[in-house]
Amino acid sequence: MKISAKDLHFSELNDKVRQSSDNNILLTDVLGHRYIASGSSGKSITIEGVPGNALGAYLNGSTVLVKGNAQDATGDTMNNGRIVIEGSSGDATGYAMRGGIILIKGNAGYRAGIHMKAYKEHMPVVVIGGRAGDFLGEYQAGGKIIVLGIGDPTIPVGPFCGTGMHGGKIYIRSSKAPQDLPIQVICRKATNEDKNEIKEHIEDFASAFNENSEELLNSDFFVLIPNTKNPYKQLYTHN
């Protein structure tokens, strides 16, 4: 089914998607329409254009393909499913994400993976092909964040990486470790065992965007994990 978003309010567009009996939907002329695929399950949705904030919020099993960039809060509190972005994404990608996977070919803005969490068999994953902005993995409680830094010769994460992190892991493809990490975060060189933990996600990313998974996996990675022996007691402010 093909739906043109031209001249439609975002609520009208979302009603059409929800009410469609067709599980394969192509949305065209999308320009800032919010909440696309919110809470959706059992559908495959392709988006031509730029979706607005909260794409795939509370996504519950559907697959979403964006043929371009996405704005802020993509995958907000998503439970399950798959979001593939052929461009870059805005701030707070994967905010409070609880399951599923987000693949981003380009960059992610500030606070990607903030409040990500895992529960039982649910393990959320965000793979960023380019670089991530400041506060990556802020307050992360679970799941995996992978930053590949493709085409970026610098360390592909911004300042304050892992601030408040108390669960999960961040994998950064780089020959150098991030600078000025919080003392509550442990940073170490990735082992082959570490790489095996993310191999399937690297291969998934490579397949989606025509990259070389073997070349990516043969690169140096650093792994960030919370230091449980030195937990956070205070953030950002002084008494």
C-alpha atoms as a PDB file:
ATOM      1  CA  MET A   1       0.000   0.000   0.000  1.00  0.00           C
ATOM      2  CA  LYS A   2       1.262   3.478  -0.859  1.00  0.00           C
ATOM      3  CA  ILE A   3       0.260   6.512   1.172  1.00  0.00           C
ATOM      4  CA  SER A   4       1.259  10.080   0.319  1.00  0.00           C
ATOM      5  CA  ALA A   5       1.808  12.227   3.390  1.00  0.00           C
ATOM      6  CA  LYS A   6       1.495  15.420   1.367  1.00  0.00           C
ATOM      7  CA  ASP A   7      -1.076  17.794   2.879  1.00  0.00           C
ATOM      8  CA  LEU A   8      -1.796  15.339   5.712  1.00  0.00           C
ATOM      9  CA  HIS A   9      -1.566  16.285   9.382  1.00  0.00           C
ATOM     10  CA  PHE A  10       0.670  13.837  11.245  1.00  0.00           C
ATOM     11  CA  SER A  11      -2.325  12.396  13.111  1.00  0.00           C
ATOM     12  CA  GLU A  12      -4.162  11.750   9.838  1.00  0.00           C
ATOM     13  CA  LEU A  13      -1.143   9.985   8.396  1.00  0.00           C
ATOM     14  CA  ASN A  14      -0.725   7.818  11.477  1.00  0.00           C
ATOM     15  CA  ASP A  15      -4.411   6.905  11.454  1.00  0.00           C
ATOM     16  CA  LYS A  16      -4.072   5.713   7.848  1.00  0.00           C
ATOM     17  CA  VAL A  17      -1.062   3.576   8.750  1.00  0.00           C
ATOM     18  CA  ARG A  18      -2.774   2.035  11.783  1.00  0.00           C
ATOM     19  CA  GLN A  19      -6.015   1.347   9.930  1.00  0.00           C
ATOM     20  CA  SER A  20      -4.372  -0.202   6.880  1.00  0.00           C
ATOM     21  CA  SER A  21      -4.979  -3.932   6.447  1.00  0.00           C
ATOM     22  CA  ASP A  22      -1.842  -4.104   4.288  1.00  0.00           C
ATOM     23  CA  ASN A  23       1.273  -5.063   6.231  1.00  0.00           C
ATOM     24  CA  ASN A  24       3.626  -3.590   3.618  1.00  0.00           C
ATOM     25  CA  ILE A  25       3.298   0.190   3.497  1.00  0.00           C
ATOM     26  CA  LEU A  26       5.210   2.833   1.533  1.00  0.00           C
ATOM     27  CA  LEU A  27       4.952   6.397   2.834  1.00  0.00           C
ATOM     28  CA  THR A  28       5.926   9.141   0.405  1.00  0.00           C
ATOM     29  CA  ASP A  29       6.248  12.938   0.724  1.00  0.00           C
ATOM     30  CA  VAL A  30       7.016  12.651   4.441  1.00  0.00           C
ATOM     31  CA  LEU A  31       8.227  15.940   5.909  1.00  0.00           C
ATOM     32  CA  GLY A  32       8.411  16.198   9.687  1.00  0.00           C
ATOM     33  CA  HIS A  33       5.372  14.016  10.389  1.00  0.00           C
ATOM     34  CA  ARG A  34       5.653  12.859  13.996  1.00  0.00           C
ATOM     35  CA  TYR A  35       5.018   9.506  15.719  1.00  0.00           C
ATOM     36  CA  ILE A  36       5.115   7.397  12.552  1.00  0.00           C
ATOM     37  CA  ALA A  37       4.799   3.685  13.433  1.00  0.00           C
ATOM     38  CA  SER A  38       4.243   4.518  17.100  1.00  0.00           C
ATOM     39  CA  GLY A  39       3.335   1.293  18.912  1.00  0.00           C
ATOM     40  CA  SER A  40       3.217  -0.578  15.623  1.00  0.00           C
ATOM     41  CA  SER A  41       3.555  -4.342  15.303  1.00  0.00           C
ATOM     42  CA  GLY A  42       3.444  -6.731  12.360  1.00  0.00           C
ATOM     43  CA  LYS A  43       4.047  -4.150   9.628  1.00  0.00           C
ATOM     44  CA  SER A  44       6.874  -3.277   7.260  1.00  0.00           C
ATOM     45  CA  ILE A  45       6.950   0.479   6.686  1.00  0.00           C
ATOM     46  CA  THR A  46       9.214   2.271   4.199  1.00  0.00           C
ATOM     47  CA  ILE A  47       9.495   6.047   4.486  1.00  0.00           C
ATOM     48  CA  GLU A  48      10.539   8.366   1.674  1.00  0.00           C
ATOM     49  CA  GLY A  49      11.363  11.783   3.094  1.00  0.00           C
ATOM     50  CA  VAL A  50      12.240  12.973   6.586  1.00  0.00           C
ATOM     51  CA  PRO A  51      10.043  11.676   9.431  1.00  0.00           C
ATOM     52  CA  GLY A  52       9.558  13.916  12.459  1.00  0.00           C
ATOM     53  CA  ASN A  53      10.222  13.311  16.138  1.00  0.00           C
ATOM     54  CA  ALA A  54       9.484  10.011  17.899  1.00  0.00           C
ATOM     55  CA  LEU A  55       9.627   7.789  14.843  1.00  0.00           C
ATOM     56  CA  GLY A  56       8.876   4.268  16.044  1.00  0.00           C
ATOM     57  CA  ALA A  57       8.098   5.325  19.612  1.00  0.00           C
ATOM     58  CA  TYR A  58       6.956   2.240  21.563  1.00  0.00           C
ATOM     59  CA  LEU A  59       7.558   0.177  18.423  1.00  0.00           C
ATOM     60  CA  ASN A  60       6.381  -3.340  19.172  1.00  0.00           C
ATOM     61  CA  GLY A  61       7.685  -5.530  16.382  1.00  0.00           C
ATOM     62  CA  SER A  62       7.312  -3.690  13.079  1.00  0.00           C
ATOM     63  CA  THR A  63      10.177  -2.955  10.687  1.00  0.00           C
ATOM     64  CA  VAL A  64      10.771   0.638   9.601  1.00  0.00           C
ATOM     65  CA  LEU A  65      13.102   1.689   6.778  1.00  0.00           C
ATOM     66  CA  VAL A  66      13.905   5.395   6.355  1.00  0.00           C
ATOM     67  CA  LYS A  67      15.262   6.349   2.940  1.00  0.00           C
ATOM     68  CA  GLY A  68      16.994   9.423   4.357  1.00  0.00           C
ATOM     69  CA  ASN A  69      17.464  11.178   7.699  1.00  0.00           C
ATOM     70  CA  ALA A  70      15.382  10.974  10.870  1.00  0.00           C
ATOM     71  CA  GLN A  71      14.810  13.606  13.544  1.00  0.00           C
ATOM     72  CA  ASP A  72      14.881  13.406  17.360  1.00  0.00           C
ATOM     73  CA  ALA A  73      13.801  10.585  19.696  1.00  0.00           C
ATOM     74  CA  THR A  74      13.761   7.828  17.095  1.00  0.00           C
ATOM     75  CA  GLY A  75      12.820   4.551  18.802  1.00  0.00           C
ATOM     76  CA  ASP A  76      11.723   6.266  22.014  1.00  0.00           C
ATOM     77  CA  THR A  77      10.921   3.465  24.493  1.00  0.00           C
ATOM     78  CA  MET A  78      10.636   0.888  21.693  1.00  0.00           C
ATOM     79  CA  ASN A  79       9.938  -2.656  22.870  1.00  0.00           C
ATOM     80  CA  ASN A  80      10.796  -4.725  19.807  1.00  0.00           C
ATOM     81  CA  GLY A  81      11.263  -4.429  16.073  1.00  0.00           C
ATOM     82  CA  ARG A  82      13.742  -2.866  13.709  1.00  0.00           C
ATOM     83  CA  ILE A  83      14.475   0.663  12.510  1.00  0.00           C
ATOM     84  CA  VAL A  84      16.938   1.191   9.651  1.00  0.00           C
ATOM     85  CA  ILE A  85      17.983   4.746   8.788  1.00  0.00           C
ATOM     86  CA  GLU A  86      19.861   5.266   5.535  1.00  0.00           C
ATOM     87  CA  GLY A  87      21.003   8.730   6.640  1.00  0.00           C
ATOM     88  CA  SER A  88      21.637  10.252  10.076  1.00  0.00           C
ATOM     89  CA  SER A  89      19.422  10.540  13.148  1.00  0.00           C
ATOM     90  CA  GLY A  90      18.826  13.400  15.571  1.00  0.00           C
ATOM     91  CA  ASP A  91      19.178  13.694  19.334  1.00  0.00           C
ATOM     92  CA  ALA A  92      18.081  11.058  21.884  1.00  0.00           C
ATOM     93  CA  THR A  93      17.992   8.182  19.417  1.00  0.00           C
ATOM     94  CA  GLY A  94      16.949   5.050  21.318  1.00  0.00           C
ATOM     95  CA  TYR A  95      15.769   7.025  24.352  1.00  0.00           C
ATOM     96  CA  ALA A  96      14.709   4.523  27.055  1.00  0.00           C
ATOM     97  CA  MET A  97      14.818   1.782  24.424  1.00  0.00           C
ATOM     98  CA  ARG A  98      13.853  -1.606  25.857  1.00  0.00           C
ATOM     99  CA  GLY A  99      14.301  -3.999  22.928  1.00  0.00           C
ATOM    100  CA  GLY A 100      14.815  -4.299  19.195  1.00  0.00           C
ATOM    101  CA  ILE A 101      17.533  -2.811  17.015  1.00  0.00           C
ATOM    102  CA  ILE A 102      18.251   0.557  15.398  1.00  0.00           C
ATOM    103  CA  LEU A 103      20.753   0.736  12.537  1.00  0.00           C
ATOM    104  CA  ILE A 104      21.991   4.174  11.455  1.00  0.00           C
ATOM    105  CA  LYS A 105      24.190   4.513   8.393  1.00  0.00           C
ATOM    106  CA  GLY A 106      25.380   8.027   9.256  1.00  0.00           C
ATOM    107  CA  ASN A 107      25.712   9.962  12.503  1.00  0.00           C
ATOM    108  CA  ALA A 108      23.609  10.266  15.643  1.00  0.00           C
ATOM    109  CA  GLY A 109      23.044  13.478  17.600  1.00  0.00           C
ATOM    110  CA  TYR A 110      23.369  14.146  21.320  1.00  0.00           C
ATOM    111  CA  ARG A 111      22.292  11.681  24.028  1.00  0.00           C
ATOM    112  CA  ALA A 112      21.898   8.605  21.836  1.00  0.00           C
ATOM    113  CA  GLY A 113      21.029   5.597  23.981  1.00  0.00           C
ATOM    114  CA  ILE A 114      20.057   7.667  27.013  1.00  0.00           C
ATOM    115  CA  HIS A 115      18.318   5.472  29.619  1.00  0.00           C
ATOM    116  CA  MET A 116      18.566   2.337  27.444  1.00  0.00           C
ATOM    117  CA  LYS A 117      17.748  -0.759  29.442  1.00  0.00           C
ATOM    118  CA  ALA A 118      17.537  -4.549  29.048  1.00  0.00           C
ATOM    119  CA  TYR A 119      15.103  -7.015  30.572  1.00  0.00           C
ATOM    120  CA  LYS A 120      15.370 -10.822  30.512  1.00  0.00           C
ATOM    121  CA  GLU A 121      15.642 -11.844  26.844  1.00  0.00           C
ATOM    122  CA  HIS A 122      15.154  -8.278  25.596  1.00  0.00           C
ATOM    123  CA  MET A 123      18.483  -6.701  24.600  1.00  0.00           C
ATOM    124  CA  PRO A 124      18.218  -3.351  22.765  1.00  0.00           C
ATOM    125  CA  VAL A 125      20.951  -2.534  20.252  1.00  0.00           C
ATOM    126  CA  VAL A 126      21.887   0.722  18.525  1.00  0.00           C
ATOM    127  CA  VAL A 127      24.527   0.657  15.776  1.00  0.00           C
ATOM    128  CA  ILE A 128      25.826   4.035  14.556  1.00  0.00           C
ATOM    129  CA  GLY A 129      27.853   3.943  11.369  1.00  0.00           C
ATOM    130  CA  GLY A 130      29.403   7.389  11.714  1.00  0.00           C
ATOM    131  CA  ARG A 131      29.928   9.288  14.957  1.00  0.00           C
ATOM    132  CA  ALA A 132      27.796  10.065  17.996  1.00  0.00           C
ATOM    133  CA  GLY A 133      27.347  13.431  19.684  1.00  0.00           C
ATOM    134  CA  ASP A 134      27.869  14.359  23.343  1.00  0.00           C
ATOM    135  CA  PHE A 135      26.460  12.304  26.245  1.00  0.00           C
ATOM    136  CA  LEU A 136      26.359   9.014  24.367  1.00  0.00           C
ATOM    137  CA  GLY A 137      24.911   6.316  26.635  1.00  0.00           C
ATOM    138  CA  GLU A 138      23.948   8.781  29.358  1.00  0.00           C
ATOM    139  CA  TYR A 139      22.380   6.867  32.281  1.00  0.00           C
ATOM    140  CA  GLN A 140      22.557   3.699  30.198  1.00  0.00           C
ATOM    141  CA  ALA A 141      21.198   0.777  32.207  1.00  0.00           C
ATOM    142  CA  GLY A 142      21.443  -2.033  29.662  1.00  0.00           C
ATOM    143  CA  GLY A 143      21.751  -2.991  26.028  1.00  0.00           C
ATOM    144  CA  LYS A 144      24.518  -2.407  23.514  1.00  0.00           C
ATOM    145  CA  ILE A 145      25.609   0.751  21.715  1.00  0.00           C
ATOM    146  CA  ILE A 146      28.072   0.301  18.842  1.00  0.00           C
ATOM    147  CA  VAL A 147      29.784   3.275  17.184  1.00  0.00           C
ATOM    148  CA  LEU A 148      31.737   2.414  14.037  1.00  0.00           C
ATOM    149  CA  GLY A 149      33.182   5.794  13.060  1.00  0.00           C
ATOM    150  CA  ILE A 150      33.239   4.910   9.357  1.00  0.00           C
ATOM    151  CA  GLY A 151      35.112   7.605   7.460  1.00  0.00           C
ATOM    152  CA  ASP A 152      35.972   9.460  10.680  1.00  0.00           C
ATOM    153  CA  PRO A 153      39.695   9.502  11.538  1.00  0.00           C
ATOM    154  CA  THR A 154      39.040  10.914  15.021  1.00  0.00           C
ATOM    155  CA  ILE A 155      37.540   9.268  18.090  1.00  0.00           C
ATOM    156  CA  PRO A 156      33.885   9.018  16.948  1.00  0.00           C
ATOM    157  CA  VAL A 157      32.150  10.055  20.175  1.00  0.00           C
ATOM    158  CA  GLY A 158      31.687  13.461  21.774  1.00  0.00           C
ATOM    159  CA  PRO A 159      32.371  14.625  25.343  1.00  0.00           C
ATOM    160  CA  PHE A 160      30.644  13.190  28.435  1.00  0.00           C
ATOM    161  CA  CYS A 161      30.385   9.709  26.943  1.00  0.00           C
ATOM    162  CA  GLY A 162      28.913   7.238  29.442  1.00  0.00           C
ATOM    163  CA  THR A 163      27.987   9.836  32.057  1.00  0.00           C
ATOM    164  CA  GLY A 164      25.703   8.158  34.592  1.00  0.00           C
ATOM    165  CA  MET A 165      26.122   4.793  32.867  1.00  0.00           C
ATOM    166  CA  HIS A 166      25.262   1.951  35.239  1.00  0.00           C
ATOM    167  CA  GLY A 167      24.572  -0.982  32.914  1.00  0.00           C
ATOM    168  CA  GLY A 168      25.051  -2.259  29.395  1.00  0.00           C
ATOM    169  CA  LYS A 169      28.074  -1.782  27.126  1.00  0.00           C
ATOM    170  CA  ILE A 170      29.352   0.764  24.612  1.00  0.00           C
ATOM    171  CA  TYR A 171      31.627  -0.445  21.815  1.00  0.00           C
ATOM    172  CA  ILE A 172      33.676   2.179  19.979  1.00  0.00           C
ATOM    173  CA  ARG A 173      35.641   1.401  16.823  1.00  0.00           C
ATOM    174  CA  SER A 174      38.769   3.510  17.173  1.00  0.00           C
ATOM    175  CA  SER A 175      42.530   3.213  17.524  1.00  0.00           C
ATOM    176  CA  LYS A 176      42.381   5.548  20.524  1.00  0.00           C
ATOM    177  CA  ALA A 177      40.262   5.488  23.654  1.00  0.00           C
ATOM    178  CA  PRO A 178      37.816   8.350  24.335  1.00  0.00           C
ATOM    179  CA  GLN A 179      39.264  11.113  26.482  1.00  0.00           C
ATOM    180  CA  ASP A 180      38.005  12.484  29.806  1.00  0.00           C
ATOM    181  CA  LEU A 181      35.682   9.602  30.587  1.00  0.00           C
ATOM    182  CA  PRO A 182      33.963   9.637  33.986  1.00  0.00           C
ATOM    183  CA  ILE A 183      35.867   7.720  36.661  1.00  0.00           C
ATOM    184  CA  GLN A 184      32.778   5.561  37.118  1.00  0.00           C
ATOM    185  CA  VAL A 185      33.290   4.091  33.629  1.00  0.00           C
ATOM    186  CA  ILE A 186      35.850   1.416  32.777  1.00  0.00           C
ATOM    187  CA  CYS A 187      37.385   1.616  29.301  1.00  0.00           C
ATOM    188  CA  ARG A 188      39.404  -1.266  27.910  1.00  0.00           C
ATOM    189  CA  LYS A 189      40.635  -2.563  24.580  1.00  0.00           C
ATOM    190  CA  ALA A 190      38.174  -5.003  23.041  1.00  0.00           C
ATOM    191  CA  THR A 191      39.140  -8.680  23.003  1.00  0.00           C
ATOM    192  CA  ASN A 192      38.084 -11.249  20.429  1.00  0.00           C
ATOM    193  CA  GLU A 193      35.440 -12.367  22.909  1.00  0.00           C
ATOM    194  CA  ASP A 194      34.098  -8.796  23.024  1.00  0.00           C
ATOM    195  CA  LYS A 195      33.978  -8.666  19.242  1.00  0.00           C
ATOM    196  CA  ASN A 196      32.122 -11.966  19.111  1.00  0.00           C
ATOM    197  CA  GLU A 197      29.404 -10.361  21.257  1.00  0.00           C
ATOM    198  CA  ILE A 198      28.720  -7.785  18.541  1.00  0.00           C
ATOM    199  CA  LYS A 199      29.604  -9.797  15.428  1.00  0.00           C
ATOM    200  CA  GLU A 200      26.003 -10.474  14.436  1.00  0.00           C
ATOM    201  CA  HIS A 201      25.128  -6.789  14.750  1.00  0.00           C
ATOM    202  CA  ILE A 202      28.145  -5.699  12.695  1.00  0.00           C
ATOM    203  CA  GLU A 203      27.199  -8.214  10.021  1.00  0.00           C
ATOM    204  CA  ASP A 204      23.605  -6.999  10.131  1.00  0.00           C
ATOM    205  CA  PHE A 205      24.767  -3.385   9.711  1.00  0.00           C
ATOM    206  CA  ALA A 206      27.137  -4.328   6.879  1.00  0.00           C
ATOM    207  CA  SER A 207      24.390  -6.202   5.042  1.00  0.00           C
ATOM    208  CA  ALA A 208      21.944  -3.297   5.409  1.00  0.00           C
ATOM    209  CA  PHE A 209      24.361  -0.653   4.113  1.00  0.00           C
ATOM    210  CA  ASN A 210      26.717  -2.603   1.851  1.00  0.00           C
ATOM    211  CA  GLU A 211      29.750  -2.372   4.142  1.00  0.00           C
ATOM    212  CA  ASN A 212      32.526  -4.908   4.719  1.00  0.00           C
ATOM    213  CA  SER A 213      31.818  -6.646   8.028  1.00  0.00           C
ATOM    214  CA  GLU A 214      35.162  -8.462   8.108  1.00  0.00           C
ATOM    215  CA  GLU A 215      37.065  -5.213   7.698  1.00  0.00           C
ATOM    216  CA  LEU A 216      35.019  -3.567  10.451  1.00  0.00           C
ATOM    217  CA  LEU A 217      35.505  -6.460  12.876  1.00  0.00           C
ATOM    218  CA  ASN A 218      39.243  -6.580  12.225  1.00  0.00           C
ATOM    219  CA  SER A 219      39.571  -2.977  13.428  1.00  0.00           C
ATOM    220  CA  ASP A 220      40.473  -1.873  16.952  1.00  0.00           C
ATOM    221  CA  PHE A 221      37.565  -1.407  19.352  1.00  0.00           C
ATOM    222  CA  PHE A 222      37.276  -0.082  22.878  1.00  0.00           C
ATOM    223  CA  VAL A 223      34.598  -1.262  25.303  1.00  0.00           C
ATOM    224  CA  LEU A 224      33.014   0.912  27.980  1.00  0.00           C
ATOM    225  CA  ILE A 225      31.321  -0.666  30.979  1.00  0.00           C
ATOM    226  CA  PRO A 226      30.203   0.784  34.320  1.00  0.00           C
ATOM    227  CA  ASN A 227      32.564   0.481  37.266  1.00  0.00           C
ATOM    228  CA  THR A 228      30.387  -1.133  39.911  1.00  0.00           C
ATOM    229  CA  LYS A 229      33.071  -0.578  42.548  1.00  0.00           C
ATOM    230  CA  ASN A 230      32.910   3.171  42.038  1.00  0.00           C
ATOM    231  CA  PRO A 231      29.238   4.087  41.541  1.00  0.00           C
ATOM    232  CA  TYR A 232      27.902   7.553  40.804  1.00  0.00           C
ATOM    233  CA  LYS A 233      27.020   9.667  43.807  1.00  0.00           C
ATOM    234  CA  GLN A 234      26.632  13.055  42.228  1.00  0.00           C
ATOM    235  CA  LEU A 235      26.400  14.384  38.673  1.00  0.00           C
ATOM    236  CA  TYR A 236      27.099  17.741  37.062  1.00  0.00           C
ATOM    237  CA  THR A 237      26.664  20.002  40.121  1.00  0.00           C
ATOM    238  CA  HIS A 238      28.644  20.836  43.260  1.00  0.00           C
ATOM    239  CA  ASN A 239      27.455  21.184  46.835  1.00  0.00           C
END
